[in-house]
Amino acid sequence: MDTPSSTSTPSSAGESGPGPLPEEEGGKNRKRAALATAPFLALGLADVVLILLQGLEPLWGFAILPPILFCSVLSWIVFSTDFLEDRT
């Protein structure tokens, strides 16, 4: 009866993940990836809106939209799969 239960908090520091959000074991961490990618996506979309509001041709705003979306999706994939975890 003196054995520790599975609901006790881990005592070693190596078991908790870095950062404010706990990491999922063996799965994708989609919430952490979305929180890391959202500011950059918001800045890119704000840039598109500013270009369109300044009176430039709408083609210029939509010309930079695909690279912004591509980089945002690529960064989301990297953060969600912990692609660089073994290299740090």
C-alpha atoms as a PDB file:
ATOM      1  CA  MET A   1       0.000   0.000   0.000  1.00  0.00           C
ATOM      2  CA  ASP A   2       3.024   2.300   0.160  1.00  0.00           C
ATOM      3  CA  THR A   3       3.580   2.201  -3.599  1.00  0.00           C
ATOM      4  CA  PRO A   4       3.098   5.520  -5.423  1.00  0.00           C
ATOM      5  CA  SER A   5      -0.051   5.862  -7.456  1.00  0.00           C
ATOM      6  CA  SER A   6      -0.095   6.685 -11.159  1.00  0.00           C
ATOM      7  CA  THR A   7      -1.841   9.993 -10.442  1.00  0.00           C
ATOM      8  CA  SER A   8       1.081  11.448  -8.495  1.00  0.00           C
ATOM      9  CA  THR A   9       3.060  14.269 -10.064  1.00  0.00           C
ATOM     10  CA  PRO A  10       6.345  13.348 -11.729  1.00  0.00           C
ATOM     11  CA  SER A  11       9.334  14.095  -9.548  1.00  0.00           C
ATOM     12  CA  SER A  12      11.993  14.265 -12.237  1.00  0.00           C
ATOM     13  CA  ALA A  13      12.438  17.407 -14.319  1.00  0.00           C
ATOM     14  CA  GLY A  14      13.065  15.434 -17.520  1.00  0.00           C
ATOM     15  CA  GLU A  15       9.488  14.243 -17.797  1.00  0.00           C
ATOM     16  CA  SER A  16       7.887  17.649 -18.210  1.00  0.00           C
ATOM     17  CA  GLY A  17       8.062  19.328 -21.614  1.00  0.00           C
ATOM     18  CA  PRO A  18       9.691  22.683 -22.290  1.00  0.00           C
ATOM     19  CA  GLY A  19       7.445  25.684 -22.524  1.00  0.00           C
ATOM     20  CA  PRO A  20       4.141  26.572 -20.967  1.00  0.00           C
ATOM     21  CA  LEU A  21       2.113  23.825 -22.657  1.00  0.00           C
ATOM     22  CA  PRO A  22       2.561  20.153 -21.766  1.00  0.00           C
ATOM     23  CA  GLU A  23       3.679  17.938 -24.605  1.00  0.00           C
ATOM     24  CA  GLU A  24       1.609  15.007 -25.743  1.00  0.00           C
ATOM     25  CA  GLU A  25       3.341  11.663 -25.533  1.00  0.00           C
ATOM     26  CA  GLY A  26       3.921  10.115 -28.947  1.00  0.00           C
ATOM     27  CA  GLY A  27       1.467  12.357 -30.791  1.00  0.00           C
ATOM     28  CA  LYS A  28       1.246  15.634 -32.589  1.00  0.00           C
ATOM     29  CA  ASN A  29       1.107  18.764 -30.500  1.00  0.00           C
ATOM     30  CA  ARG A  30      -1.320  20.724 -32.667  1.00  0.00           C
ATOM     31  CA  LYS A  31      -2.284  23.330 -30.082  1.00  0.00           C
ATOM     32  CA  ARG A  32       1.320  24.308 -29.408  1.00  0.00           C
ATOM     33  CA  ALA A  33       1.991  24.496 -33.149  1.00  0.00           C
ATOM     34  CA  ALA A  34      -1.041  26.704 -33.728  1.00  0.00           C
ATOM     35  CA  LEU A  35      -0.010  29.056 -30.921  1.00  0.00           C
ATOM     36  CA  ALA A  36       3.523  29.314 -32.317  1.00  0.00           C
ATOM     37  CA  THR A  37       2.410  29.883 -35.910  1.00  0.00           C
ATOM     38  CA  ALA A  38      -0.556  32.211 -35.349  1.00  0.00           C
ATOM     39  CA  PRO A  39       1.407  35.460 -34.792  1.00  0.00           C
ATOM     40  CA  PHE A  40       3.350  35.037 -38.030  1.00  0.00           C
ATOM     41  CA  LEU A  41       0.214  34.224 -39.975  1.00  0.00           C
ATOM     42  CA  ALA A  42      -1.505  37.266 -38.471  1.00  0.00           C
ATOM     43  CA  LEU A  43       1.411  39.515 -39.461  1.00  0.00           C
ATOM     44  CA  GLY A  44       1.346  38.183 -43.008  1.00  0.00           C
ATOM     45  CA  LEU A  45      -2.399  38.667 -43.375  1.00  0.00           C
ATOM     46  CA  ALA A  46      -2.122  42.165 -41.895  1.00  0.00           C
ATOM     47  CA  ASP A  47       0.518  42.931 -44.501  1.00  0.00           C
ATOM     48  CA  VAL A  48      -1.856  41.826 -47.262  1.00  0.00           C
ATOM     49  CA  VAL A  49      -4.629  44.003 -45.807  1.00  0.00           C
ATOM     50  CA  LEU A  50      -2.308  47.021 -45.609  1.00  0.00           C
ATOM     51  CA  ILE A  51      -1.258  46.559 -49.223  1.00  0.00           C
ATOM     52  CA  LEU A  52      -4.895  46.408 -50.319  1.00  0.00           C
ATOM     53  CA  LEU A  53      -5.883  49.435 -48.198  1.00  0.00           C
ATOM     54  CA  GLN A  54      -3.059  51.586 -49.567  1.00  0.00           C
ATOM     55  CA  GLY A  55      -4.644  51.508 -52.983  1.00  0.00           C
ATOM     56  CA  LEU A  56      -2.182  49.250 -54.740  1.00  0.00           C
ATOM     57  CA  GLU A  57      -3.579  46.867 -57.271  1.00  0.00           C
ATOM     58  CA  PRO A  58      -5.222  43.846 -55.616  1.00  0.00           C
ATOM     59  CA  LEU A  59      -2.991  41.574 -57.663  1.00  0.00           C
ATOM     60  CA  TRP A  60      -0.003  42.566 -55.490  1.00  0.00           C
ATOM     61  CA  GLY A  61      -1.843  41.642 -52.315  1.00  0.00           C
ATOM     62  CA  PHE A  62      -2.854  38.274 -53.655  1.00  0.00           C
ATOM     63  CA  ALA A  63       0.614  37.684 -55.130  1.00  0.00           C
ATOM     64  CA  ILE A  64       2.178  37.616 -51.669  1.00  0.00           C
ATOM     65  CA  LEU A  65      -0.635  35.591 -50.090  1.00  0.00           C
ATOM     66  CA  PRO A  66       0.489  32.110 -51.304  1.00  0.00           C
ATOM     67  CA  PRO A  67       4.044  32.391 -49.870  1.00  0.00           C
ATOM     68  CA  ILE A  68       2.620  33.614 -46.555  1.00  0.00           C
ATOM     69  CA  LEU A  69       0.223  30.667 -46.356  1.00  0.00           C
ATOM     70  CA  PHE A  70       2.897  28.195 -47.485  1.00  0.00           C
ATOM     71  CA  CYS A  71       5.378  29.339 -44.842  1.00  0.00           C
ATOM     72  CA  SER A  72       2.684  29.278 -42.163  1.00  0.00           C
ATOM     73  CA  VAL A  73       1.640  25.723 -43.032  1.00  0.00           C
ATOM     74  CA  LEU A  74       5.273  24.609 -43.205  1.00  0.00           C
ATOM     75  CA  SER A  75       6.031  26.094 -39.779  1.00  0.00           C
ATOM     76  CA  TRP A  76       2.872  24.495 -38.343  1.00  0.00           C
ATOM     77  CA  ILE A  77       4.029  21.093 -39.607  1.00  0.00           C
ATOM     78  CA  VAL A  78       7.497  21.580 -38.099  1.00  0.00           C
ATOM     79  CA  PHE A  79       6.142  22.665 -34.713  1.00  0.00           C
ATOM     80  CA  SER A  80       3.440  19.989 -34.544  1.00  0.00           C
ATOM     81  CA  THR A  81       5.732  17.065 -35.335  1.00  0.00           C
ATOM     82  CA  ASP A  82       8.731  18.294 -33.296  1.00  0.00           C
ATOM     83  CA  PHE A  83      10.883  17.889 -36.414  1.00  0.00           C
ATOM     84  CA  LEU A  84      13.947  19.469 -34.784  1.00  0.00           C
ATOM     85  CA  GLU A  85      13.581  17.831 -31.362  1.00  0.00           C
ATOM     86  CA  ASP A  86      16.508  15.434 -31.785  1.00  0.00           C
ATOM     87  CA  ARG A  87      18.836  18.196 -33.025  1.00  0.00           C
ATOM     88  CA  THR A  88      18.671  20.500 -30.036  1.00  0.00           C
END
